[in-house]
Amino acid sequence: MKQFEYDALFFHVKKQRDYDAMRRLLNERDAEGWEVITADAGDNGYTTFVKRELAK
């Protein structure tokens, strides 16, 4: 059975450059094997949950 580890990222978003920083970090996480499983928009930004498969 596959096993995963999880992480939560919070992005404070007010301006376009904040979205650029969010994309940059998500692309960095993707290169490390992380996959976005959900994102929740709040009053001040986004909480994004990611997972990646654990190495055996």
PDB file of N, CA and C in Angstrom:
ATOM      1  N   MET A   1       0.838  -1.177   0.000  1.00  0.00           N
ATOM      2  CA  MET A   1       0.000   0.000   0.000  1.00  0.00           C
ATOM      3  C   MET A   1       0.884   1.242   0.000  1.00  0.00           C
ATOM      4  N   LYS A   2       0.532   2.210  -0.834  1.00  0.00           N
ATOM      5  CA  LYS A   2       1.286   3.457  -0.889  1.00  0.00           C
ATOM      6  C   LYS A   2       1.091   4.243   0.404  1.00  0.00           C
ATOM      7  N   GLN A   3       2.157   4.914   0.818  1.00  0.00           N
ATOM      8  CA  GLN A   3       2.073   5.797   1.973  1.00  0.00           C
ATOM      9  C   GLN A   3       2.488   7.201   1.538  1.00  0.00           C
ATOM     10  N   PHE A   4       1.845   8.195   2.134  1.00  0.00           N
ATOM     11  CA  PHE A   4       2.071   9.577   1.754  1.00  0.00           C
ATOM     12  C   PHE A   4       2.414  10.422   2.975  1.00  0.00           C
ATOM     13  N   GLU A   5       3.089  11.516   2.721  1.00  0.00           N
ATOM     14  CA  GLU A   5       3.253  12.552   3.739  1.00  0.00           C
ATOM     15  C   GLU A   5       2.515  13.779   3.237  1.00  0.00           C
ATOM     16  N   TYR A   6       2.082  14.603   4.166  1.00  0.00           N
ATOM     17  CA  TYR A   6       1.235  15.752   3.838  1.00  0.00           C
ATOM     18  C   TYR A   6       1.836  17.021   4.421  1.00  0.00           C
ATOM     19  N   ASP A   7       1.514  18.138   3.797  1.00  0.00           N
ATOM     20  CA  ASP A   7       1.957  19.436   4.293  1.00  0.00           C
ATOM     21  C   ASP A   7       0.863  20.457   3.968  1.00  0.00           C
ATOM     22  N   ALA A   8       0.828  21.528   4.696  1.00  0.00           N
ATOM     23  CA  ALA A   8      -0.115  22.621   4.451  1.00  0.00           C
ATOM     24  C   ALA A   8       0.693  23.893   4.221  1.00  0.00           C
ATOM     25  N   LEU A   9       0.311  24.629   3.194  1.00  0.00           N
ATOM     26  CA  LEU A   9       0.974  25.884   2.863  1.00  0.00           C
ATOM     27  C   LEU A   9      -0.054  27.007   2.938  1.00  0.00           C
ATOM     28  N   PHE A  10       0.333  28.137   3.520  1.00  0.00           N
ATOM     29  CA  PHE A  10      -0.568  29.294   3.541  1.00  0.00           C
ATOM     30  C   PHE A  10       0.036  30.398   2.695  1.00  0.00           C
ATOM     31  N   PHE A  11      -0.769  30.977   1.827  1.00  0.00           N
ATOM     32  CA  PHE A  11      -0.341  32.070   0.973  1.00  0.00           C
ATOM     33  C   PHE A  11      -1.182  33.296   1.271  1.00  0.00           C
ATOM     34  N   HIS A  12      -0.534  34.338   1.753  1.00  0.00           N
ATOM     35  CA  HIS A  12      -1.191  35.622   1.977  1.00  0.00           C
ATOM     36  C   HIS A  12      -1.220  36.334   0.627  1.00  0.00           C
ATOM     37  N   VAL A  13      -2.398  36.573   0.096  1.00  0.00           N
ATOM     38  CA  VAL A  13      -2.517  37.116  -1.257  1.00  0.00           C
ATOM     39  C   VAL A  13      -3.301  38.431  -1.239  1.00  0.00           C
ATOM     40  N   LYS A  14      -2.651  39.479  -1.675  1.00  0.00           N
ATOM     41  CA  LYS A  14      -3.295  40.791  -1.786  1.00  0.00           C
ATOM     42  C   LYS A  14      -3.059  41.418  -3.153  1.00  0.00           C
ATOM     43  N   LYS A  15      -1.893  41.141  -3.762  1.00  0.00           N
ATOM     44  CA  LYS A  15      -1.513  41.777  -5.022  1.00  0.00           C
ATOM     45  C   LYS A  15      -1.043  40.722  -6.012  1.00  0.00           C
ATOM     46  N   GLN A  16      -0.889  41.122  -7.267  1.00  0.00           N
ATOM     47  CA  GLN A  16      -0.457  40.200  -8.322  1.00  0.00           C
ATOM     48  C   GLN A  16       0.869  39.520  -7.971  1.00  0.00           C
ATOM     49  N   ARG A  17       1.806  40.245  -7.384  1.00  0.00           N
ATOM     50  CA  ARG A  17       3.101  39.637  -7.054  1.00  0.00           C
ATOM     51  C   ARG A  17       2.947  38.513  -6.030  1.00  0.00           C
ATOM     52  N   ASP A  18       1.887  38.577  -5.208  1.00  0.00           N
ATOM     53  CA  ASP A  18       1.631  37.500  -4.255  1.00  0.00           C
ATOM     54  C   ASP A  18       1.254  36.224  -4.992  1.00  0.00           C
ATOM     55  N   TYR A  19       0.493  36.344  -6.079  1.00  0.00           N
ATOM     56  CA  TYR A  19       0.161  35.172  -6.891  1.00  0.00           C
ATOM     57  C   TYR A  19       1.403  34.617  -7.569  1.00  0.00           C
ATOM     58  N   ASP A  20       2.288  35.509  -8.000  1.00  0.00           N
ATOM     59  CA  ASP A  20       3.546  35.068  -8.610  1.00  0.00           C
ATOM     60  C   ASP A  20       4.376  34.267  -7.611  1.00  0.00           C
ATOM     61  N   ALA A  21       4.453  34.735  -6.377  1.00  0.00           N
ATOM     62  CA  ALA A  21       5.192  34.021  -5.330  1.00  0.00           C
ATOM     63  C   ALA A  21       4.530  32.674  -5.028  1.00  0.00           C
ATOM     64  N   MET A  22       3.209  32.644  -5.024  1.00  0.00           N
ATOM     65  CA  MET A  22       2.478  31.406  -4.778  1.00  0.00           C
ATOM     66  C   MET A  22       2.790  30.392  -5.882  1.00  0.00           C
ATOM     67  N   ARG A  23       2.723  30.810  -7.136  1.00  0.00           N
ATOM     68  CA  ARG A  23       3.039  29.922  -8.257  1.00  0.00           C
ATOM     69  C   ARG A  23       4.472  29.417  -8.174  1.00  0.00           C
ATOM     70  N   ARG A  24       5.394  30.305  -7.840  1.00  0.00           N
ATOM     71  CA  ARG A  24       6.809  29.930  -7.739  1.00  0.00           C
ATOM     72  C   ARG A  24       7.006  28.836  -6.689  1.00  0.00           C
ATOM     73  N   LEU A  25       6.418  29.022  -5.506  1.00  0.00           N
ATOM     74  CA  LEU A  25       6.572  28.029  -4.447  1.00  0.00           C
ATOM     75  C   LEU A  25       5.889  26.712  -4.815  1.00  0.00           C
ATOM     76  N   LEU A  26       4.715  26.770  -5.419  1.00  0.00           N
ATOM     77  CA  LEU A  26       4.034  25.532  -5.823  1.00  0.00           C
ATOM     78  C   LEU A  26       4.839  24.790  -6.882  1.00  0.00           C
ATOM     79  N   ASN A  27       5.468  25.510  -7.804  1.00  0.00           N
ATOM     80  CA  ASN A  27       6.326  24.863  -8.795  1.00  0.00           C
ATOM     81  C   ASN A  27       7.562  24.235  -8.150  1.00  0.00           C
ATOM     82  N   GLU A  28       8.120  24.891  -7.134  1.00  0.00           N
ATOM     83  CA  GLU A  28       9.254  24.325  -6.401  1.00  0.00           C
ATOM     84  C   GLU A  28       8.832  23.036  -5.696  1.00  0.00           C
ATOM     85  N   ARG A  29       7.675  23.065  -5.051  1.00  0.00           N
ATOM     86  CA  ARG A  29       7.172  21.872  -4.365  1.00  0.00           C
ATOM     87  C   ARG A  29       6.905  20.735  -5.353  1.00  0.00           C
ATOM     88  N   ASP A  30       6.361  21.081  -6.526  1.00  0.00           N
ATOM     89  CA  ASP A  30       6.110  20.076  -7.555  1.00  0.00           C
ATOM     90  C   ASP A  30       7.416  19.389  -7.961  1.00  0.00           C
ATOM     91  N   ALA A  31       8.479  20.149  -8.120  1.00  0.00           N
ATOM     92  CA  ALA A  31       9.781  19.586  -8.487  1.00  0.00           C
ATOM     93  C   ALA A  31      10.314  18.646  -7.407  1.00  0.00           C
ATOM     94  N   GLU A  32       9.855  18.821  -6.166  1.00  0.00           N
ATOM     95  CA  GLU A  32      10.250  17.956  -5.046  1.00  0.00           C
ATOM     96  C   GLU A  32       9.319  16.755  -4.902  1.00  0.00           C
ATOM     97  N   GLY A  33       8.332  16.635  -5.796  1.00  0.00           N
ATOM     98  CA  GLY A  33       7.428  15.487  -5.772  1.00  0.00           C
ATOM     99  C   GLY A  33       6.101  15.723  -5.076  1.00  0.00           C
ATOM    100  N   TRP A  34       5.827  16.947  -4.635  1.00  0.00           N
ATOM    101  CA  TRP A  34       4.574  17.257  -3.964  1.00  0.00           C
ATOM    102  C   TRP A  34       3.468  17.488  -4.988  1.00  0.00           C
ATOM    103  N   GLU A  35       2.247  17.126  -4.606  1.00  0.00           N
ATOM    104  CA  GLU A  35       1.070  17.299  -5.455  1.00  0.00           C
ATOM    105  C   GLU A  35      -0.013  18.012  -4.655  1.00  0.00           C
ATOM    106  N   VAL A  36      -0.605  19.041  -5.232  1.00  0.00           N
ATOM    107  CA  VAL A  36      -1.697  19.753  -4.570  1.00  0.00           C
ATOM    108  C   VAL A  36      -2.919  18.843  -4.535  1.00  0.00           C
ATOM    109  N   ILE A  37      -3.511  18.698  -3.335  1.00  0.00           N
ATOM    110  CA  ILE A  37      -4.725  17.884  -3.224  1.00  0.00           C
ATOM    111  C   ILE A  37      -5.957  18.752  -3.015  1.00  0.00           C
ATOM    112  N   THR A  38      -5.769  19.936  -2.448  1.00  0.00           N
ATOM    113  CA  THR A  38      -6.895  20.863  -2.297  1.00  0.00           C
ATOM    114  C   THR A  38      -6.358  22.247  -1.936  1.00  0.00           C
ATOM    115  N   ALA A  39      -7.150  23.253  -2.249  1.00  0.00           N
ATOM    116  CA  ALA A  39      -6.822  24.630  -1.873  1.00  0.00           C
ATOM    117  C   ALA A  39      -8.107  25.292  -1.408  1.00  0.00           C
ATOM    118  N   ASP A  40      -8.009  26.060  -0.328  1.00  0.00           N
ATOM    119  CA  ASP A  40      -9.167  26.722   0.246  1.00  0.00           C
ATOM    120  C   ASP A  40      -8.905  28.217   0.294  1.00  0.00           C
ATOM    121  N   ALA A  41      -9.781  28.994  -0.321  1.00  0.00           N
ATOM    122  CA  ALA A  41      -9.643  30.448  -0.310  1.00  0.00           C
ATOM    123  C   ALA A  41     -10.284  31.015   0.950  1.00  0.00           C
ATOM    124  N   GLY A  42      -9.549  31.893   1.623  1.00  0.00           N
ATOM    125  CA  GLY A  42     -10.065  32.570   2.804  1.00  0.00           C
ATOM    126  C   GLY A  42     -10.038  34.073   2.592  1.00  0.00           C
ATOM    127  N   ASP A  43     -10.306  34.817   3.641  1.00  0.00           N
ATOM    128  CA  ASP A  43     -10.344  36.274   3.544  1.00  0.00           C
ATOM    129  C   ASP A  43      -8.985  36.885   3.202  1.00  0.00           C
ATOM    130  N   ASN A  44      -7.901  36.248   3.647  1.00  0.00           N
ATOM    131  CA  ASN A  44      -6.571  36.830   3.472  1.00  0.00           C
ATOM    132  C   ASN A  44      -5.657  36.029   2.559  1.00  0.00           C
ATOM    133  N   GLY A  45      -6.160  34.979   1.945  1.00  0.00           N
ATOM    134  CA  GLY A  45      -5.290  34.198   1.077  1.00  0.00           C
ATOM    135  C   GLY A  45      -5.793  32.782   0.897  1.00  0.00           C
ATOM    136  N   TYR A  46      -4.848  31.881   0.673  1.00  0.00           N
ATOM    137  CA  TYR A  46      -5.173  30.490   0.377  1.00  0.00           C
ATOM    138  C   TYR A  46      -4.424  29.552   1.306  1.00  0.00           C
ATOM    139  N   THR A  47      -5.099  28.515   1.733  1.00  0.00           N
ATOM    140  CA  THR A  47      -4.462  27.401   2.413  1.00  0.00           C
ATOM    141  C   THR A  47      -4.476  26.255   1.420  1.00  0.00           C
ATOM    142  N   THR A  48      -3.296  25.727   1.134  1.00  0.00           N
ATOM    143  CA  THR A  48      -3.149  24.674   0.138  1.00  0.00           C
ATOM    144  C   THR A  48      -2.564  23.447   0.811  1.00  0.00           C
ATOM    145  N   PHE A  49      -3.180  22.301   0.581  1.00  0.00           N
ATOM    146  CA  PHE A  49      -2.703  21.043   1.139  1.00  0.00           C
ATOM    147  C   PHE A  49      -2.044  20.238   0.036  1.00  0.00           C
ATOM    148  N   VAL A  50      -0.859  19.709   0.329  1.00  0.00           N
ATOM    149  CA  VAL A  50      -0.092  18.953  -0.645  1.00  0.00           C
ATOM    150  C   VAL A  50       0.292  17.597  -0.064  1.00  0.00           C
ATOM    151  N   LYS A  51       0.579  16.649  -0.964  1.00  0.00           N
ATOM    152  CA  LYS A  51       1.035  15.336  -0.510  1.00  0.00           C
ATOM    153  C   LYS A  51       2.101  14.835  -1.466  1.00  0.00           C
ATOM    154  N   ARG A  52       2.912  13.884  -0.974  1.00  0.00           N
ATOM    155  CA  ARG A  52       3.848  13.173  -1.833  1.00  0.00           C
ATOM    156  C   ARG A  52       4.042  11.783  -1.266  1.00  0.00           C
ATOM    157  N   GLU A  53       4.340  10.886  -2.167  1.00  0.00           N
ATOM    158  CA  GLU A  53       4.516   9.487  -1.776  1.00  0.00           C
ATOM    159  C   GLU A  53       5.842   9.340  -1.015  1.00  0.00           C
ATOM    160  N   LEU A  54       5.783   8.573   0.064  1.00  0.00           N
ATOM    161  CA  LEU A  54       7.000   8.294   0.834  1.00  0.00           C
ATOM    162  C   LEU A  54       7.838   7.269   0.092  1.00  0.00           C
ATOM    163  N   ALA A  55       9.151   7.457   0.158  1.00  0.00           N
ATOM    164  CA  ALA A  55      10.063   6.483  -0.447  1.00  0.00           C
ATOM    165  C   ALA A  55      10.084   5.228   0.434  1.00  0.00           C
ATOM    166  N   LYS A  56      10.150   4.094  -0.217  1.00  0.00           N
ATOM    167  CA  LYS A  56      10.168   2.823   0.551  1.00  0.00           C
ATOM    168  C   LYS A  56      11.563   2.388   0.850  1.00  0.00           C
TER     169      LYS A  56
END
